[in-house]
Every structure is written in C-alpha cells, then in structure tokens.
Amino acid sequence: MNSQSRQTDIDHLVVTARTLAEGMAWVSERLGVSMMPRVGGKHIRMGTHNALLSLGPGVYLEVIAIDPAAPSPGRARWFGLDHQAADTSPRLAHWVVRCDDIEATALASPIAPGRVENMRRAGLRWLITVAPDGSMECDGLMPSLIQWQTRPHPAAILPERGCRLRRLELSHPRGRELAQALQAIYLAPEQVSVQEGEQPRLVAVILTPDGERVLG
C-alpha cells in the first residue's frame, strides 16, 4: 500500500467527563449548541457510554464517561477514565484519526498509539488503538487510530447543529516528536498545528452558528 492510499483524517474529538450530563452541559455552554436529545450508546467492553455532536461530514465530537449502570469491564477503561479525580471537570482530552489500514499506520508511527482492538456499539463495528493501561500517549495529544468496519460513518447519521471543526492546535514538550509522528501516519499538515511548549495543550477551534468558539 502506498502512502497516498494511507491518507488519514481527523475522525473525532474526545471530551472526557465524570458523567455524561456534566460533559454535555460543558460542551453546550462553550459552543452555544445543545447536545439534546442525546445521540450515542454504550461500550460494553469498556463499561462506558457516550453522546455525539456533529462537526461536519466525517467528523464528530464525543462526550464519554463511565457508565454507572455497567458492570466493571475487568480491564482499564480507555481515555484515562479510571484515573479521573472526584472533582475533575470535563475537558477536551484526546482526538482520534481515521485510517484505512490501522495495523500499517500504527507501525509507521514513531510514537506508539496503542494496541489494535476490536470494538462494537449497537450496529457499529471498528478497530481502534488502546493502551493496555488505558493511558493516552503524550498526555492525550498523540491521537488514537480508528478504522471503521461498518457504514455509514457515525457522523452521517447525526443531527445537523451547524458546527464545523476548523482546526486543532497542539502544544507539548515533545512537540517535535509529535509533528514527526503525525507526518508518519500521513495526516495532512493543514489539519493540525503542532508546537513545542512547556505544558501539554490541546485546543479545537470550532465554527458554530454564533461564530468561532474554542474547546481546550
């Protein structure tokens, strides 16, 4: 497979929260767009559930939290959800990149994005990279990889809210390594900017019906 056929794209943003209600309220307040009625579901293997917001064709925002009604999954949950403090506020914690060959793309990255695992929710099936301990590489700034195995893409069935992802801005002490990793996984440079900085910082600039808003 040549590099052109491995072209990747931003698939979705991940907002972690102690509860779905808190996470949805946080997103709605900052974007000025309601996330109700909720669209999402449960991840049985991870003991989590989510709510989704369209950010345009092929892109969405996911609010994810531990499902209080689910039994313990007997493993570390993804996106660091097991390590949230009791007073943790919702935050833009991570992002996910879509690819057509997840195994080859993961191997191409100098920063390991995690182990490829099979996942499903309702009628959706996908492959995604997850660290065995549930951690996120580079404080969440190194994206997970995802390869969808079902169609249509989840964003295609979400209600239109008038939101569009404009760009992602990353800053991290390992900024140079991050930039090299994103290039290695064939992510077009215009989709995200990367800088070196003293503190990890992940920012999403989103166009809403009321103008540009920032999550991060």
Protein backbone atom coordinates (compact mmCIF):
# COMPACT_ATOMS: atom_id res chain seq x y z
CA MET A 1 0.00 0.00 0.00
CA ASN A 2 1.48 3.37 -0.93
CA SER A 3 1.49 6.46 1.29
CA GLN A 4 -1.16 8.22 -0.80
CA SER A 5 -3.66 5.41 -0.16
CA ARG A 6 -2.87 5.63 3.56
CA GLN A 7 -4.01 9.26 3.81
CA THR A 8 -5.63 9.80 7.21
CA ASP A 9 -8.17 12.30 8.53
CA ILE A 10 -9.37 13.62 11.86
CA ASP A 11 -12.29 11.39 12.83
CA HIS A 12 -13.47 12.72 16.18
CA LEU A 13 -12.64 14.69 19.31
CA VAL A 14 -12.92 13.15 22.78
CA VAL A 15 -14.30 15.08 25.77
CA THR A 16 -13.99 13.10 29.00
CA ALA A 17 -16.26 13.75 31.97
CA ARG A 18 -17.32 12.20 35.26
CA THR A 19 -20.87 11.95 33.92
CA LEU A 20 -22.46 12.35 30.51
CA ALA A 21 -24.72 15.09 31.84
CA GLU A 22 -21.74 17.15 33.03
CA GLY A 23 -19.86 16.64 29.79
CA MET A 24 -22.81 17.51 27.58
CA ALA A 25 -23.55 20.65 29.61
CA TRP A 26 -19.89 21.71 29.36
CA VAL A 27 -19.83 21.34 25.57
CA SER A 28 -23.20 23.03 25.14
CA GLU A 29 -22.15 26.01 27.27
CA ARG A 30 -18.91 26.55 25.39
CA LEU A 31 -20.27 26.05 21.89
CA GLY A 32 -23.71 27.54 22.45
CA VAL A 33 -25.25 24.45 20.82
CA SER A 34 -27.47 21.93 22.60
CA MET A 35 -26.48 18.27 22.65
CA MET A 36 -30.05 17.25 23.39
CA PRO A 37 -31.67 14.96 22.55
CA ARG A 38 -28.70 12.73 23.23
CA VAL A 39 -27.36 10.56 20.40
CA GLY A 40 -24.91 7.83 21.39
CA GLY A 41 -24.79 4.49 23.15
CA LYS A 42 -22.87 2.06 25.37
CA HIS A 43 -19.48 0.38 25.01
CA ILE A 44 -19.91 -2.97 26.72
CA ARG A 45 -16.23 -3.97 26.62
CA MET A 46 -15.19 -0.72 28.29
CA GLY A 47 -18.07 -0.03 30.68
CA THR A 48 -18.59 3.43 29.20
CA HIS A 49 -21.25 5.36 27.32
CA ASN A 50 -21.19 8.43 25.11
CA ALA A 51 -23.02 11.30 23.46
CA LEU A 52 -22.17 12.66 20.00
CA LEU A 53 -22.24 16.04 18.28
CA SER A 54 -21.74 16.51 14.53
CA LEU A 55 -18.80 18.69 13.46
CA GLY A 56 -19.44 18.25 9.76
CA PRO A 57 -19.12 15.41 7.22
CA GLY A 58 -16.94 12.63 8.61
CA VAL A 59 -16.16 14.43 11.89
CA TYR A 60 -17.85 14.50 15.29
CA LEU A 61 -17.30 15.29 18.95
CA GLU A 62 -17.74 12.56 21.54
CA VAL A 63 -18.51 13.12 25.20
CA ILE A 64 -17.59 9.93 27.07
CA ALA A 65 -17.96 8.85 30.70
CA ILE A 66 -18.02 5.73 32.84
CA ASP A 67 -21.46 4.12 32.61
CA PRO A 68 -22.73 3.84 36.21
CA ALA A 69 -25.17 1.10 35.16
CA ALA A 70 -22.47 -1.09 33.61
CA PRO A 71 -20.52 -3.79 35.46
CA SER A 72 -16.76 -3.39 35.82
CA PRO A 73 -15.15 -4.30 32.48
CA GLY A 74 -12.35 -6.17 34.25
CA ARG A 75 -9.75 -4.07 32.44
CA ALA A 76 -8.55 -0.48 32.27
CA ARG A 77 -11.06 1.79 30.55
CA TRP A 78 -9.88 3.91 27.64
CA PHE A 79 -9.08 7.65 27.61
CA GLY A 80 -7.81 7.61 31.20
CA LEU A 81 -11.33 7.48 32.61
CA ASP A 82 -10.28 5.29 35.56
CA HIS A 83 -7.88 7.98 36.77
CA GLN A 84 -10.24 10.96 36.99
CA ALA A 85 -10.34 12.65 40.38
CA ALA A 86 -13.70 13.18 42.07
CA ASP A 87 -13.55 16.91 41.31
CA THR A 88 -12.35 16.56 37.70
CA SER A 89 -14.08 18.91 35.27
CA PRO A 90 -14.99 17.91 31.71
CA ARG A 91 -12.19 18.57 29.25
CA LEU A 92 -11.08 18.06 25.68
CA ALA A 93 -8.76 15.16 26.46
CA HIS A 94 -7.95 13.43 23.19
CA TRP A 95 -8.57 13.06 19.47
CA VAL A 96 -8.86 10.17 17.04
CA VAL A 97 -7.57 9.80 13.48
CA ARG A 98 -9.30 7.66 10.84
CA CYS A 99 -7.30 5.40 8.53
CA ASP A 100 -7.86 2.56 6.04
CA ASP A 101 -5.10 0.24 7.30
CA ILE A 102 -4.77 0.60 11.05
CA GLU A 103 -2.05 -2.02 11.51
CA ALA A 104 0.26 -0.46 8.91
CA THR A 105 -0.48 3.08 10.11
CA ALA A 106 0.25 2.18 13.74
CA LEU A 107 3.53 0.55 12.75
CA ALA A 108 4.53 3.67 10.79
CA SER A 109 4.29 5.91 13.85
CA PRO A 110 7.44 6.56 15.92
CA ILE A 111 5.13 7.16 18.91
CA ALA A 112 3.14 4.01 19.60
CA PRO A 113 -0.60 4.84 19.55
CA GLY A 114 -1.59 1.67 21.46
CA ARG A 115 -2.71 -1.87 20.70
CA VAL A 116 -5.29 -2.50 17.98
CA GLU A 117 -8.55 -3.82 19.44
CA ASN A 118 -11.96 -4.77 18.07
CA MET A 119 -14.89 -2.72 19.35
CA ARG A 120 -18.62 -2.55 18.70
CA ARG A 121 -21.63 -0.49 19.76
CA ALA A 122 -25.14 -1.24 18.55
CA GLY A 123 -24.74 -1.66 14.77
CA LEU A 124 -21.26 -0.12 14.63
CA ARG A 125 -18.00 -2.05 14.45
CA TRP A 126 -14.49 -0.65 14.38
CA LEU A 127 -10.81 -1.23 15.14
CA ILE A 128 -9.11 1.26 17.47
CA THR A 129 -5.75 1.61 19.20
CA VAL A 130 -5.93 1.44 23.01
CA ALA A 131 -3.10 1.30 25.55
CA PRO A 132 -3.44 -1.75 27.84
CA ASP A 133 -3.40 0.51 30.91
CA GLY A 134 -5.92 2.96 29.46
CA SER A 135 -3.41 5.80 29.27
CA MET A 136 -3.06 8.26 26.40
CA GLU A 137 0.33 8.87 24.84
CA CYS A 138 1.77 12.41 25.09
CA ASP A 139 -0.92 13.49 27.58
CA GLY A 140 -3.65 12.72 25.03
CA LEU A 141 -2.10 14.74 22.21
CA MET A 142 -0.91 11.69 20.25
CA PRO A 143 -4.14 10.56 18.59
CA SER A 144 -5.64 7.11 18.72
CA LEU A 145 -6.15 5.44 15.34
CA ILE A 146 -9.52 4.10 14.20
CA GLN A 147 -10.63 2.01 11.23
CA TRP A 148 -14.37 1.76 10.73
CA GLN A 149 -15.70 -1.63 9.63
CA THR A 150 -19.31 -0.58 9.12
CA ARG A 151 -21.07 2.12 7.14
CA PRO A 152 -22.26 4.80 7.16
CA HIS A 153 -19.82 6.76 9.29
CA PRO A 154 -21.44 7.80 12.62
CA ALA A 155 -21.26 11.48 11.66
CA ALA A 156 -23.56 10.80 8.71
CA ILE A 157 -26.50 9.95 10.98
CA LEU A 158 -26.08 12.76 13.49
CA PRO A 159 -28.45 15.75 13.50
CA GLU A 160 -27.01 18.88 11.93
CA ARG A 161 -26.14 21.52 14.57
CA GLY A 162 -24.30 23.98 12.33
CA CYS A 163 -20.87 23.20 13.84
CA ARG A 164 -17.66 22.63 11.89
CA LEU A 165 -14.18 21.78 13.12
CA ARG A 166 -11.84 24.48 11.83
CA ARG A 167 -8.52 23.27 13.21
CA LEU A 168 -6.68 21.59 16.07
CA GLU A 169 -3.79 23.28 17.86
CA LEU A 170 -1.32 21.15 19.83
CA SER A 171 1.44 22.27 22.14
CA HIS A 172 3.65 19.84 24.07
CA PRO A 173 7.23 19.49 25.38
CA ARG A 174 7.59 16.69 22.80
CA GLY A 175 6.15 18.86 20.05
CA ARG A 176 8.83 17.99 17.51
CA GLU A 177 8.29 14.24 18.06
CA LEU A 178 4.54 14.72 17.80
CA ALA A 179 4.85 16.56 14.50
CA GLN A 180 7.06 13.77 13.14
CA ALA A 181 4.57 11.13 14.30
CA LEU A 182 1.64 12.90 12.63
CA GLN A 183 3.61 13.14 9.42
CA ALA A 184 4.47 9.45 9.68
CA ILE A 185 0.79 8.47 9.91
CA TYR A 186 0.04 10.52 6.78
CA LEU A 187 -2.04 13.24 8.46
CA ALA A 188 -2.18 16.31 6.21
CA PRO A 189 -0.36 19.20 7.96
CA GLU A 190 -3.18 21.67 7.32
CA GLN A 191 -5.46 19.69 9.64
CA VAL A 192 -3.47 20.38 12.80
CA SER A 193 -0.71 22.68 14.03
CA VAL A 194 1.94 21.43 16.47
CA GLN A 195 4.30 23.48 18.61
CA GLU A 196 6.74 22.80 21.41
CA GLY A 197 5.57 24.21 24.74
CA GLU A 198 6.19 23.79 28.43
CA GLN A 199 2.71 22.41 29.12
CA PRO A 200 0.52 19.98 27.14
CA ARG A 201 -2.28 21.86 25.39
CA LEU A 202 -4.98 20.58 23.04
CA VAL A 203 -7.29 23.17 21.51
CA ALA A 204 -10.11 22.75 18.99
CA VAL A 205 -11.37 25.77 17.08
CA ILE A 206 -14.97 25.15 16.07
CA LEU A 207 -17.20 27.27 13.87
CA THR A 208 -20.72 27.48 15.38
CA PRO A 209 -23.88 29.34 14.31
CA ASP A 210 -22.65 32.17 16.58
CA GLY A 211 -19.10 32.31 15.26
CA GLU A 212 -15.86 30.60 16.23
CA ARG A 213 -15.65 29.01 19.67
CA VAL A 214 -12.75 27.25 21.38
CA LEU A 215 -12.63 23.98 23.30
CA GLY A 216 -9.50 23.22 25.26
